Amino acid sequence: MGINLNKLSTEELGILFPIKIVDYNPLWKNLFVSEKKTIQNAVGRNNIVRIEHIGSTAVPGLCAKPTIDMLVQIKDNADTTLITKKLKKAGYHFISKPENPPPHIMYAKGYSVKGYSGQAYHIHLRYRGDWDEILFRNFLIRNPKSTREYAELKIKLAVDFMNDREQYTKNKTEFINRIIKIAKEKLKDIEKY
């Protein structure tokens, strides 16, 4: 890859990878299924508890950045150093998140020092657990009004922070936390997420 994307400043990353929100694409589900197989083959099914399609591309009808986000839950005894090596061989770039130590490990594919390079994927590697990303996704799927509200917020923020991913994400946090709180109250007796 040459230059390490982790060495670029927030401003440089914002110019290379601007926030672009696009209409929902039903092919996102197929892209997830295909990439899930790639990850299972690379990492080994014996290390994985489950792989979930999360984020906006996992919510039918929701506009999104066209990046396929995946929550990959691994077994407690999985060797994350070895998993990182295997994912790098599968074309993933390790994203250093010193403020968010393991079990929150992130990888990305489809990025280069020249900008986007093919389909973008994010892996959020975590140990087994009940993760709010799944609950948030499930709530949006079942609640079109909240999905529309989230779409409007994302479109506005993409305009306001087109070249600042950190601010874009930070400004979605209040909405996401509010929905997760509601979802926990409404869904706690319906499903185990």
N, C-alpha and C. Protein backbone atom coordinates (compact mmCIF):
# COMPACT_ATOMS: atom_id res chain seq x y z
N MET A 1 0.83 -1.20 0.00
CA MET A 1 0.00 0.00 0.00
C MET A 1 0.87 1.25 0.00
N GLY A 2 2.17 1.13 0.28
CA GLY A 2 3.05 2.29 0.26
C GLY A 2 2.89 3.14 1.49
N ILE A 3 2.26 4.29 1.34
CA ILE A 3 2.03 5.20 2.46
C ILE A 3 0.99 4.58 3.38
N ASN A 4 1.25 4.69 4.68
CA ASN A 4 0.32 4.17 5.69
C ASN A 4 -0.81 5.17 5.88
N LEU A 5 -2.04 4.74 5.60
CA LEU A 5 -3.19 5.63 5.75
C LEU A 5 -3.34 6.12 7.19
N ASN A 6 -2.86 5.33 8.16
CA ASN A 6 -2.93 5.75 9.56
C ASN A 6 -2.06 6.97 9.85
N LYS A 7 -1.11 7.25 8.96
CA LYS A 7 -0.20 8.39 9.17
C LYS A 7 -0.77 9.70 8.62
N LEU A 8 -1.85 9.60 7.84
CA LEU A 8 -2.44 10.80 7.27
C LEU A 8 -3.24 11.56 8.32
N SER A 9 -3.27 12.87 8.20
CA SER A 9 -4.04 13.69 9.13
C SER A 9 -5.53 13.55 8.84
N THR A 10 -6.34 13.99 9.79
CA THR A 10 -7.80 13.98 9.62
C THR A 10 -8.19 14.78 8.38
N GLU A 11 -7.51 15.91 8.17
CA GLU A 11 -7.81 16.76 7.01
C GLU A 11 -7.48 16.04 5.71
N GLU A 12 -6.32 15.38 5.67
CA GLU A 12 -5.92 14.66 4.46
C GLU A 12 -6.90 13.51 4.17
N LEU A 13 -7.30 12.81 5.22
CA LEU A 13 -8.26 11.72 5.05
C LEU A 13 -9.60 12.25 4.56
N GLY A 14 -10.03 13.40 5.07
CA GLY A 14 -11.29 14.00 4.65
C GLY A 14 -11.31 14.39 3.18
N ILE A 15 -10.18 14.83 2.67
CA ILE A 15 -10.09 15.19 1.25
C ILE A 15 -10.08 13.93 0.39
N LEU A 16 -9.33 12.92 0.82
CA LEU A 16 -9.26 11.66 0.06
C LEU A 16 -10.58 10.89 0.06
N PHE A 17 -11.29 10.93 1.21
CA PHE A 17 -12.49 10.12 1.38
C PHE A 17 -13.66 10.97 1.86
N PRO A 18 -14.19 11.84 1.00
CA PRO A 18 -15.30 12.69 1.41
C PRO A 18 -16.55 11.87 1.72
N ILE A 19 -17.39 12.45 2.56
CA ILE A 19 -18.67 11.81 2.90
C ILE A 19 -19.63 12.00 1.73
N LYS A 20 -20.10 10.89 1.20
CA LYS A 20 -21.08 10.92 0.12
C LYS A 20 -22.20 9.95 0.50
N ILE A 21 -23.40 10.47 0.58
CA ILE A 21 -24.56 9.66 0.90
C ILE A 21 -25.28 9.33 -0.41
N VAL A 22 -25.58 8.06 -0.61
CA VAL A 22 -26.26 7.63 -1.84
C VAL A 22 -27.55 6.89 -1.46
N ASP A 23 -28.43 6.76 -2.43
CA ASP A 23 -29.67 6.01 -2.21
C ASP A 23 -29.36 4.56 -1.89
N TYR A 24 -30.29 3.93 -1.20
CA TYR A 24 -30.14 2.51 -0.85
C TYR A 24 -29.95 1.68 -2.11
N ASN A 25 -29.07 0.70 -2.01
CA ASN A 25 -28.80 -0.21 -3.13
C ASN A 25 -29.05 -1.64 -2.65
N PRO A 26 -30.03 -2.35 -3.22
CA PRO A 26 -30.30 -3.72 -2.78
C PRO A 26 -29.12 -4.67 -2.97
N LEU A 27 -28.16 -4.30 -3.80
CA LEU A 27 -26.97 -5.14 -3.99
C LEU A 27 -26.06 -5.16 -2.77
N TRP A 28 -26.23 -4.22 -1.85
CA TRP A 28 -25.38 -4.19 -0.65
C TRP A 28 -25.49 -5.49 0.14
N LYS A 29 -26.67 -6.06 0.17
CA LYS A 29 -26.84 -7.33 0.89
C LYS A 29 -25.99 -8.42 0.26
N ASN A 30 -25.98 -8.49 -1.07
CA ASN A 30 -25.17 -9.48 -1.77
C ASN A 30 -23.68 -9.25 -1.57
N LEU A 31 -23.27 -7.99 -1.56
CA LEU A 31 -21.87 -7.67 -1.31
C LEU A 31 -21.45 -8.15 0.09
N PHE A 32 -22.34 -7.95 1.05
CA PHE A 32 -22.06 -8.44 2.40
C PHE A 32 -21.90 -9.95 2.42
N VAL A 33 -22.84 -10.66 1.82
CA VAL A 33 -22.79 -12.13 1.83
C VAL A 33 -21.50 -12.63 1.20
N SER A 34 -21.10 -12.04 0.10
CA SER A 34 -19.87 -12.43 -0.58
C SER A 34 -18.63 -12.14 0.29
N GLU A 35 -18.61 -10.96 0.88
CA GLU A 35 -17.44 -10.59 1.69
C GLU A 35 -17.39 -11.40 2.99
N LYS A 36 -18.54 -11.77 3.50
CA LYS A 36 -18.59 -12.62 4.69
C LYS A 36 -17.84 -13.93 4.42
N LYS A 37 -18.06 -14.50 3.25
CA LYS A 37 -17.36 -15.74 2.88
C LYS A 37 -15.85 -15.51 2.78
N THR A 38 -15.47 -14.36 2.22
CA THR A 38 -14.04 -14.02 2.12
C THR A 38 -13.42 -13.97 3.51
N ILE A 39 -14.11 -13.33 4.44
CA ILE A 39 -13.60 -13.20 5.81
C ILE A 39 -13.52 -14.56 6.49
N GLN A 40 -14.57 -15.36 6.34
CA GLN A 40 -14.56 -16.70 6.95
C GLN A 40 -13.40 -17.54 6.41
N ASN A 41 -13.16 -17.46 5.12
CA ASN A 41 -12.06 -18.21 4.52
C ASN A 41 -10.70 -17.69 4.99
N ALA A 42 -10.59 -16.38 5.14
CA ALA A 42 -9.31 -15.79 5.55
C ALA A 42 -9.01 -16.06 7.02
N VAL A 43 -9.99 -15.83 7.87
CA VAL A 43 -9.78 -15.90 9.32
C VAL A 43 -9.95 -17.32 9.85
N GLY A 44 -10.79 -18.10 9.21
CA GLY A 44 -11.09 -19.44 9.68
C GLY A 44 -12.36 -19.44 10.52
N ARG A 45 -13.30 -20.24 10.14
CA ARG A 45 -14.59 -20.29 10.84
C ARG A 45 -14.43 -20.65 12.30
N ASN A 46 -13.37 -21.37 12.64
CA ASN A 46 -13.15 -21.78 14.03
C ASN A 46 -12.85 -20.60 14.95
N ASN A 47 -12.48 -19.46 14.40
CA ASN A 47 -12.20 -18.26 15.21
C ASN A 47 -13.41 -17.34 15.35
N ILE A 48 -14.42 -17.56 14.51
CA ILE A 48 -15.55 -16.62 14.41
C ILE A 48 -16.79 -17.16 15.11
N VAL A 49 -17.42 -16.31 15.90
CA VAL A 49 -18.71 -16.63 16.51
C VAL A 49 -19.81 -16.33 15.50
N ARG A 50 -19.79 -15.12 14.93
CA ARG A 50 -20.75 -14.74 13.90
C ARG A 50 -20.29 -13.48 13.21
N ILE A 51 -20.85 -13.25 12.03
CA ILE A 51 -20.58 -12.03 11.26
C ILE A 51 -21.93 -11.42 10.93
N GLU A 52 -22.10 -10.16 11.28
CA GLU A 52 -23.36 -9.45 11.05
C GLU A 52 -23.13 -8.25 10.13
N HIS A 53 -24.08 -8.02 9.24
CA HIS A 53 -24.09 -6.82 8.41
C HIS A 53 -24.71 -5.71 9.26
N ILE A 54 -23.95 -4.67 9.52
CA ILE A 54 -24.42 -3.56 10.36
C ILE A 54 -24.31 -2.26 9.57
N GLY A 55 -24.67 -1.18 10.22
CA GLY A 55 -24.58 0.12 9.56
C GLY A 55 -25.75 0.36 8.63
N SER A 56 -25.73 1.50 8.00
CA SER A 56 -26.86 1.93 7.17
C SER A 56 -27.09 1.05 5.95
N THR A 57 -26.03 0.46 5.39
CA THR A 57 -26.23 -0.40 4.22
C THR A 57 -26.98 -1.68 4.57
N ALA A 58 -27.15 -1.97 5.85
CA ALA A 58 -27.88 -3.16 6.30
C ALA A 58 -29.36 -2.88 6.53
N VAL A 59 -29.78 -1.64 6.33
CA VAL A 59 -31.18 -1.25 6.58
C VAL A 59 -31.85 -0.98 5.24
N PRO A 60 -32.73 -1.89 4.79
CA PRO A 60 -33.39 -1.68 3.49
C PRO A 60 -34.08 -0.31 3.40
N GLY A 61 -33.79 0.38 2.31
CA GLY A 61 -34.40 1.67 2.04
C GLY A 61 -33.64 2.86 2.59
N LEU A 62 -32.65 2.63 3.44
CA LEU A 62 -31.93 3.74 4.07
C LEU A 62 -30.77 4.19 3.18
N CYS A 63 -30.67 5.48 2.94
CA CYS A 63 -29.53 6.02 2.22
C CYS A 63 -28.29 5.83 3.09
N ALA A 64 -27.11 5.82 2.46
CA ALA A 64 -25.91 5.51 3.23
C ALA A 64 -24.66 5.92 2.47
N LYS A 65 -23.55 5.99 3.22
CA LYS A 65 -22.26 5.96 2.57
C LYS A 65 -22.16 4.54 2.02
N PRO A 66 -21.72 4.34 0.79
CA PRO A 66 -21.74 3.00 0.20
C PRO A 66 -20.61 2.10 0.71
N THR A 67 -20.50 2.01 2.01
CA THR A 67 -19.49 1.19 2.68
C THR A 67 -20.21 0.07 3.43
N ILE A 68 -19.79 -1.15 3.20
CA ILE A 68 -20.40 -2.30 3.86
C ILE A 68 -19.70 -2.49 5.21
N ASP A 69 -20.44 -2.21 6.29
CA ASP A 69 -19.92 -2.39 7.65
C ASP A 69 -20.30 -3.77 8.15
N MET A 70 -19.33 -4.44 8.77
CA MET A 70 -19.56 -5.78 9.29
C MET A 70 -19.05 -5.88 10.72
N LEU A 71 -19.85 -6.48 11.56
CA LEU A 71 -19.44 -6.78 12.93
C LEU A 71 -19.00 -8.24 12.94
N VAL A 72 -17.72 -8.47 13.17
CA VAL A 72 -17.17 -9.82 13.21
C VAL A 72 -16.86 -10.14 14.66
N GLN A 73 -17.67 -11.03 15.22
CA GLN A 73 -17.45 -11.44 16.61
C GLN A 73 -16.57 -12.68 16.62
N ILE A 74 -15.50 -12.59 17.40
CA ILE A 74 -14.54 -13.69 17.48
C ILE A 74 -14.61 -14.34 18.86
N LYS A 75 -14.09 -15.54 18.93
CA LYS A 75 -14.04 -16.27 20.19
C LYS A 75 -13.05 -15.59 21.14
N ASP A 76 -13.30 -15.74 22.42
CA ASP A 76 -12.46 -15.09 23.43
C ASP A 76 -11.00 -15.50 23.35
N ASN A 77 -10.73 -16.70 22.87
CA ASN A 77 -9.34 -17.17 22.81
C ASN A 77 -8.71 -16.98 21.43
N ALA A 78 -9.38 -16.27 20.54
CA ALA A 78 -8.86 -16.05 19.19
C ALA A 78 -7.60 -15.18 19.25
N ASP A 79 -6.66 -15.47 18.40
CA ASP A 79 -5.39 -14.74 18.32
C ASP A 79 -5.58 -13.54 17.38
N THR A 80 -5.75 -12.34 17.95
CA THR A 80 -6.03 -11.16 17.12
C THR A 80 -4.83 -10.76 16.26
N THR A 81 -3.63 -11.07 16.70
CA THR A 81 -2.45 -10.76 15.89
C THR A 81 -2.46 -11.62 14.63
N LEU A 82 -2.78 -12.89 14.78
CA LEU A 82 -2.86 -13.78 13.63
C LEU A 82 -4.03 -13.39 12.72
N ILE A 83 -5.15 -13.02 13.32
CA ILE A 83 -6.31 -12.58 12.52
C ILE A 83 -5.95 -11.35 11.70
N THR A 84 -5.22 -10.42 12.31
CA THR A 84 -4.79 -9.22 11.58
C THR A 84 -3.93 -9.60 10.38
N LYS A 85 -3.00 -10.51 10.57
CA LYS A 85 -2.14 -10.94 9.46
C LYS A 85 -2.98 -11.56 8.34
N LYS A 86 -3.95 -12.39 8.72
CA LYS A 86 -4.79 -13.05 7.73
C LYS A 86 -5.68 -12.06 6.98
N LEU A 87 -6.22 -11.07 7.70
CA LEU A 87 -7.05 -10.07 7.04
C LEU A 87 -6.22 -9.17 6.12
N LYS A 88 -4.99 -8.88 6.50
CA LYS A 88 -4.12 -8.11 5.61
C LYS A 88 -3.89 -8.86 4.31
N LYS A 89 -3.71 -10.18 4.39
CA LYS A 89 -3.54 -10.98 3.18
C LYS A 89 -4.79 -10.97 2.32
N ALA A 90 -5.96 -10.77 2.95
CA ALA A 90 -7.23 -10.71 2.22
C ALA A 90 -7.53 -9.30 1.71
N GLY A 91 -6.56 -8.39 1.84
CA GLY A 91 -6.71 -7.04 1.28
C GLY A 91 -7.17 -5.98 2.26
N TYR A 92 -7.25 -6.31 3.54
CA TYR A 92 -7.70 -5.35 4.55
C TYR A 92 -6.53 -4.58 5.13
N HIS A 93 -6.83 -3.36 5.49
CA HIS A 93 -5.87 -2.45 6.12
C HIS A 93 -6.26 -2.31 7.59
N PHE A 94 -5.33 -2.54 8.49
CA PHE A 94 -5.58 -2.36 9.92
C PHE A 94 -5.67 -0.88 10.22
N ILE A 95 -6.71 -0.47 10.94
CA ILE A 95 -6.88 0.93 11.31
C ILE A 95 -6.58 1.07 12.79
N SER A 96 -5.56 1.80 13.07
CA SER A 96 -5.17 2.01 14.46
C SER A 96 -6.19 2.90 15.17
N LYS A 97 -6.70 2.43 16.27
CA LYS A 97 -7.66 3.19 17.08
C LYS A 97 -7.19 3.15 18.54
N PRO A 98 -6.10 3.85 18.85
CA PRO A 98 -5.56 3.77 20.21
C PRO A 98 -6.55 4.22 21.28
N GLU A 99 -7.51 5.06 20.91
CA GLU A 99 -8.51 5.52 21.87
C GLU A 99 -9.60 4.48 22.08
N ASN A 100 -9.57 3.43 21.30
CA ASN A 100 -10.61 2.39 21.35
C ASN A 100 -9.92 1.02 21.30
N PRO A 101 -9.28 0.61 22.40
CA PRO A 101 -8.47 -0.61 22.38
C PRO A 101 -9.31 -1.88 22.25
N PRO A 102 -8.64 -3.02 22.01
CA PRO A 102 -9.37 -4.28 21.90
C PRO A 102 -10.30 -4.46 23.08
N PRO A 103 -11.49 -5.00 22.85
CA PRO A 103 -11.84 -5.79 21.67
C PRO A 103 -12.39 -4.99 20.50
N HIS A 104 -12.22 -3.69 20.46
CA HIS A 104 -12.69 -2.88 19.34
C HIS A 104 -11.53 -2.69 18.36
N ILE A 105 -11.45 -3.59 17.38
CA ILE A 105 -10.39 -3.54 16.38
C ILE A 105 -11.06 -3.30 15.04
N MET A 106 -10.44 -2.46 14.21
CA MET A 106 -11.08 -2.11 12.94
C MET A 106 -10.14 -2.35 11.77
N TYR A 107 -10.75 -2.77 10.65
CA TYR A 107 -10.04 -2.99 9.40
C TYR A 107 -10.87 -2.38 8.28
N ALA A 108 -10.19 -1.98 7.21
CA ALA A 108 -10.89 -1.40 6.06
C ALA A 108 -10.30 -1.94 4.76
N LYS A 109 -11.15 -1.97 3.77
CA LYS A 109 -10.76 -2.42 2.43
C LYS A 109 -11.44 -1.48 1.44
N GLY A 110 -10.75 -1.21 0.33
CA GLY A 110 -11.33 -0.33 -0.68
C GLY A 110 -10.83 1.10 -0.57
N TYR A 111 -9.74 1.28 0.13
CA TYR A 111 -9.15 2.60 0.32
C TYR A 111 -7.69 2.55 -0.14
N SER A 112 -7.23 3.65 -0.71
CA SER A 112 -5.82 3.76 -1.09
C SER A 112 -5.38 5.20 -0.87
N VAL A 113 -4.11 5.44 -1.03
CA VAL A 113 -3.60 6.81 -0.84
C VAL A 113 -4.05 7.73 -1.97
N LYS A 114 -4.73 7.18 -2.97
CA LYS A 114 -5.27 7.99 -4.06
C LYS A 114 -6.78 8.19 -3.92
N GLY A 115 -7.36 7.62 -2.86
CA GLY A 115 -8.80 7.73 -2.64
C GLY A 115 -9.43 6.35 -2.61
N TYR A 116 -10.73 6.32 -2.87
CA TYR A 116 -11.43 5.03 -2.86
C TYR A 116 -10.87 4.14 -3.96
N SER A 117 -10.84 2.84 -3.66
CA SER A 117 -10.30 1.87 -4.59
C SER A 117 -11.21 0.65 -4.60
N GLY A 118 -12.29 0.72 -5.37
CA GLY A 118 -13.26 -0.36 -5.40
C GLY A 118 -14.26 -0.24 -4.27
N GLN A 119 -14.99 -1.33 -4.01
CA GLN A 119 -15.99 -1.35 -2.96
C GLN A 119 -15.31 -1.20 -1.60
N ALA A 120 -15.86 -0.32 -0.77
CA ALA A 120 -15.32 -0.11 0.58
C ALA A 120 -16.02 -1.02 1.57
N TYR A 121 -15.21 -1.62 2.46
CA TYR A 121 -15.70 -2.48 3.53
C TYR A 121 -15.04 -2.07 4.83
N HIS A 122 -15.78 -2.18 5.92
CA HIS A 122 -15.22 -1.98 7.25
C HIS A 122 -15.52 -3.23 8.07
N ILE A 123 -14.52 -3.73 8.75
CA ILE A 123 -14.71 -4.81 9.71
C ILE A 123 -14.53 -4.22 11.10
N HIS A 124 -15.52 -4.43 11.95
CA HIS A 124 -15.44 -4.07 13.36
C HIS A 124 -15.28 -5.39 14.10
N LEU A 125 -14.06 -5.70 14.49
CA LEU A 125 -13.76 -6.98 15.13
C LEU A 125 -13.97 -6.85 16.64
N ARG A 126 -14.78 -7.73 17.18
CA ARG A 126 -15.10 -7.67 18.62
C ARG A 126 -15.15 -9.08 19.17
N TYR A 127 -14.99 -9.16 20.48
CA TYR A 127 -15.23 -10.44 21.14
C TYR A 127 -16.73 -10.65 21.26
N ARG A 128 -17.12 -11.87 21.52
CA ARG A 128 -18.53 -12.24 21.64
C ARG A 128 -19.25 -11.31 22.62
N GLY A 129 -20.46 -10.91 22.26
CA GLY A 129 -21.23 -10.04 23.14
C GLY A 129 -22.50 -9.54 22.46
N ASP A 130 -23.29 -8.83 23.21
CA ASP A 130 -24.49 -8.20 22.70
C ASP A 130 -24.12 -6.77 22.32
N TRP A 131 -24.00 -6.51 21.04
CA TRP A 131 -23.49 -5.22 20.59
C TRP A 131 -24.63 -4.32 20.14
N ASP A 132 -24.54 -3.05 20.51
CA ASP A 132 -25.59 -2.09 20.20
C ASP A 132 -25.79 -1.86 18.71
N GLU A 133 -24.77 -2.10 17.90
CA GLU A 133 -24.90 -1.90 16.46
C GLU A 133 -26.00 -2.80 15.88
N ILE A 134 -26.10 -4.02 16.40
CA ILE A 134 -27.11 -4.96 15.92
C ILE A 134 -28.49 -4.49 16.37
N LEU A 135 -28.60 -4.07 17.59
CA LEU A 135 -29.86 -3.56 18.13
C LEU A 135 -30.32 -2.33 17.35
N PHE A 136 -29.40 -1.41 17.06
CA PHE A 136 -29.71 -0.20 16.31
C PHE A 136 -30.22 -0.56 14.91
N ARG A 137 -29.52 -1.46 14.23
CA ARG A 137 -29.94 -1.91 12.90
C ARG A 137 -31.34 -2.51 12.94
N ASN A 138 -31.56 -3.41 13.88
CA ASN A 138 -32.86 -4.08 13.97
C ASN A 138 -33.99 -3.10 14.26
N PHE A 139 -33.72 -2.12 15.10
CA PHE A 139 -34.75 -1.13 15.43
C PHE A 139 -35.10 -0.32 14.19
N LEU A 140 -34.10 0.13 13.44
CA LEU A 140 -34.37 0.92 12.24
C LEU A 140 -35.15 0.11 11.20
N ILE A 141 -34.81 -1.16 11.06
CA ILE A 141 -35.53 -2.00 10.11
C ILE A 141 -37.02 -2.05 10.46
N ARG A 142 -37.33 -2.06 11.74
CA ARG A 142 -38.72 -2.19 12.19
C ARG A 142 -39.44 -0.85 12.37
N ASN A 143 -38.73 0.26 12.23
CA ASN A 143 -39.32 1.57 12.52
C ASN A 143 -39.01 2.57 11.41
N PRO A 144 -39.83 2.58 10.36
CA PRO A 144 -39.58 3.46 9.21
C PRO A 144 -39.49 4.94 9.57
N LYS A 145 -40.27 5.38 10.55
CA LYS A 145 -40.22 6.81 10.93
C LYS A 145 -38.82 7.16 11.44
N SER A 146 -38.25 6.34 12.29
CA SER A 146 -36.90 6.59 12.80
C SER A 146 -35.86 6.49 11.68
N THR A 147 -36.10 5.58 10.74
CA THR A 147 -35.19 5.43 9.61
C THR A 147 -35.19 6.70 8.76
N ARG A 148 -36.38 7.26 8.50
CA ARG A 148 -36.46 8.52 7.74
C ARG A 148 -35.77 9.66 8.48
N GLU A 149 -35.97 9.72 9.78
CA GLU A 149 -35.34 10.76 10.59
C GLU A 149 -33.81 10.64 10.52
N TYR A 150 -33.33 9.42 10.60
CA TYR A 150 -31.88 9.18 10.52
C TYR A 150 -31.36 9.56 9.14
N ALA A 151 -32.09 9.23 8.09
CA ALA A 151 -31.68 9.58 6.72
C ALA A 151 -31.55 11.09 6.57
N GLU A 152 -32.54 11.83 7.08
CA GLU A 152 -32.49 13.30 6.99
C GLU A 152 -31.28 13.85 7.72
N LEU A 153 -31.00 13.31 8.90
CA LEU A 153 -29.83 13.76 9.66
C LEU A 153 -28.55 13.48 8.90
N LYS A 154 -28.41 12.29 8.36
CA LYS A 154 -27.19 11.92 7.64
C LYS A 154 -26.97 12.79 6.41
N ILE A 155 -28.03 13.08 5.68
CA ILE A 155 -27.92 13.93 4.48
C ILE A 155 -27.45 15.32 4.88
N LYS A 156 -28.03 15.86 5.93
CA LYS A 156 -27.63 17.20 6.41
C LYS A 156 -26.17 17.20 6.85
N LEU A 157 -25.79 16.21 7.64
CA LEU A 157 -24.41 16.14 8.15
C LEU A 157 -23.40 15.92 7.04
N ALA A 158 -23.78 15.17 6.01
CA ALA A 158 -22.88 14.95 4.88
C ALA A 158 -22.57 16.26 4.16
N VAL A 159 -23.54 17.17 4.14
CA VAL A 159 -23.31 18.49 3.54
C VAL A 159 -22.44 19.33 4.47
N ASP A 160 -22.78 19.33 5.75
CA ASP A 160 -22.06 20.16 6.73
C ASP A 160 -20.62 19.68 6.95
N PHE A 161 -20.39 18.37 6.87
CA PHE A 161 -19.08 17.81 7.22
C PHE A 161 -18.56 16.87 6.13
N MET A 162 -18.70 17.29 4.88
CA MET A 162 -18.32 16.44 3.75
C MET A 162 -16.88 15.94 3.86
N ASN A 163 -15.98 16.74 4.37
CA ASN A 163 -14.57 16.37 4.46
C ASN A 163 -14.10 16.17 5.90
N ASP A 164 -15.03 15.89 6.78
CA ASP A 164 -14.66 15.69 8.19
C ASP A 164 -15.45 14.51 8.77
N ARG A 165 -14.91 13.30 8.57
CA ARG A 165 -15.59 12.08 9.02
C ARG A 165 -15.80 12.07 10.53
N GLU A 166 -14.85 12.59 11.26
CA GLU A 166 -14.97 12.58 12.73
C GLU A 166 -16.16 13.41 13.19
N GLN A 167 -16.33 14.60 12.62
CA GLN A 167 -17.47 15.45 12.99
C GLN A 167 -18.79 14.87 12.50
N TYR A 168 -18.75 14.29 11.30
CA TYR A 168 -19.94 13.63 10.76
C TYR A 168 -20.41 12.54 11.74
N THR A 169 -19.48 11.70 12.15
CA THR A 169 -19.81 10.61 13.08
C THR A 169 -20.21 11.14 14.44
N LYS A 170 -19.47 12.09 14.95
CA LYS A 170 -19.76 12.66 16.28
C LYS A 170 -21.16 13.26 16.33
N ASN A 171 -21.57 13.90 15.25
CA ASN A 171 -22.88 14.56 15.23
C ASN A 171 -24.05 13.60 15.02
N LYS A 172 -23.75 12.33 14.72
CA LYS A 172 -24.81 11.31 14.66
C LYS A 172 -25.00 10.63 16.02
N THR A 173 -24.04 10.80 16.91
CA THR A 173 -24.01 10.04 18.16
C THR A 173 -25.24 10.25 19.04
N GLU A 174 -25.71 11.48 19.17
CA GLU A 174 -26.88 11.74 20.02
C GLU A 174 -28.10 10.98 19.50
N PHE A 175 -28.32 11.03 18.19
CA PHE A 175 -29.45 10.32 17.60
C PHE A 175 -29.31 8.81 17.83
N ILE A 176 -28.14 8.27 17.55
CA ILE A 176 -27.90 6.84 17.70
C ILE A 176 -28.12 6.40 19.15
N ASN A 177 -27.57 7.15 20.09
CA ASN A 177 -27.74 6.79 21.51
C ASN A 177 -29.20 6.85 21.95
N ARG A 178 -29.93 7.82 21.43
CA ARG A 178 -31.36 7.94 21.75
C ARG A 178 -32.12 6.73 21.23
N ILE A 179 -31.83 6.33 20.00
CA ILE A 179 -32.51 5.19 19.40
C ILE A 179 -32.14 3.90 20.14
N ILE A 180 -30.90 3.75 20.50
CA ILE A 180 -30.48 2.54 21.23
C ILE A 180 -31.20 2.45 22.57
N LYS A 181 -31.34 3.58 23.24
CA LYS A 181 -32.05 3.58 24.53
C LYS A 181 -33.51 3.16 24.34
N ILE A 182 -34.16 3.72 23.33
CA ILE A 182 -35.55 3.35 23.03
C ILE A 182 -35.63 1.87 22.66
N ALA A 183 -34.70 1.43 21.82
CA ALA A 183 -34.70 0.04 21.36
C ALA A 183 -34.52 -0.94 22.51
N LYS A 184 -33.65 -0.60 23.44
CA LYS A 184 -33.43 -1.49 24.58
C LYS A 184 -34.70 -1.62 25.41
N GLU A 185 -35.41 -0.53 25.54
CA GLU A 185 -36.66 -0.58 26.30
C GLU A 185 -37.74 -1.37 25.56
N LYS A 186 -37.86 -1.16 24.23
CA LYS A 186 -38.92 -1.80 23.46
C LYS A 186 -38.63 -3.24 23.08
N LEU A 187 -37.38 -3.56 22.85
CA LEU A 187 -37.05 -4.88 22.30
C LEU A 187 -36.53 -5.86 23.34
N LYS A 188 -36.35 -5.44 24.56
CA LYS A 188 -35.73 -6.33 25.54
C LYS A 188 -36.50 -7.62 25.75
N ASP A 189 -37.82 -7.58 25.59
CA ASP A 189 -38.61 -8.78 25.76
C ASP A 189 -38.91 -9.50 24.44
N ILE A 190 -38.59 -8.86 23.32
CA ILE A 190 -38.91 -9.42 22.01
C ILE A 190 -37.79 -10.33 21.50
N GLU A 191 -36.56 -9.90 21.64
CA GLU A 191 -35.46 -10.65 21.05
C GLU A 191 -34.19 -10.50 21.84
N LYS A 192 -33.36 -11.43 21.71
CA LYS A 192 -31.99 -11.34 22.22
C LYS A 192 -31.17 -10.85 21.05
N TYR A 193 -30.60 -9.70 21.16
CA TYR A 193 -29.82 -9.19 20.04
C TYR A 193 -28.42 -9.57 20.23
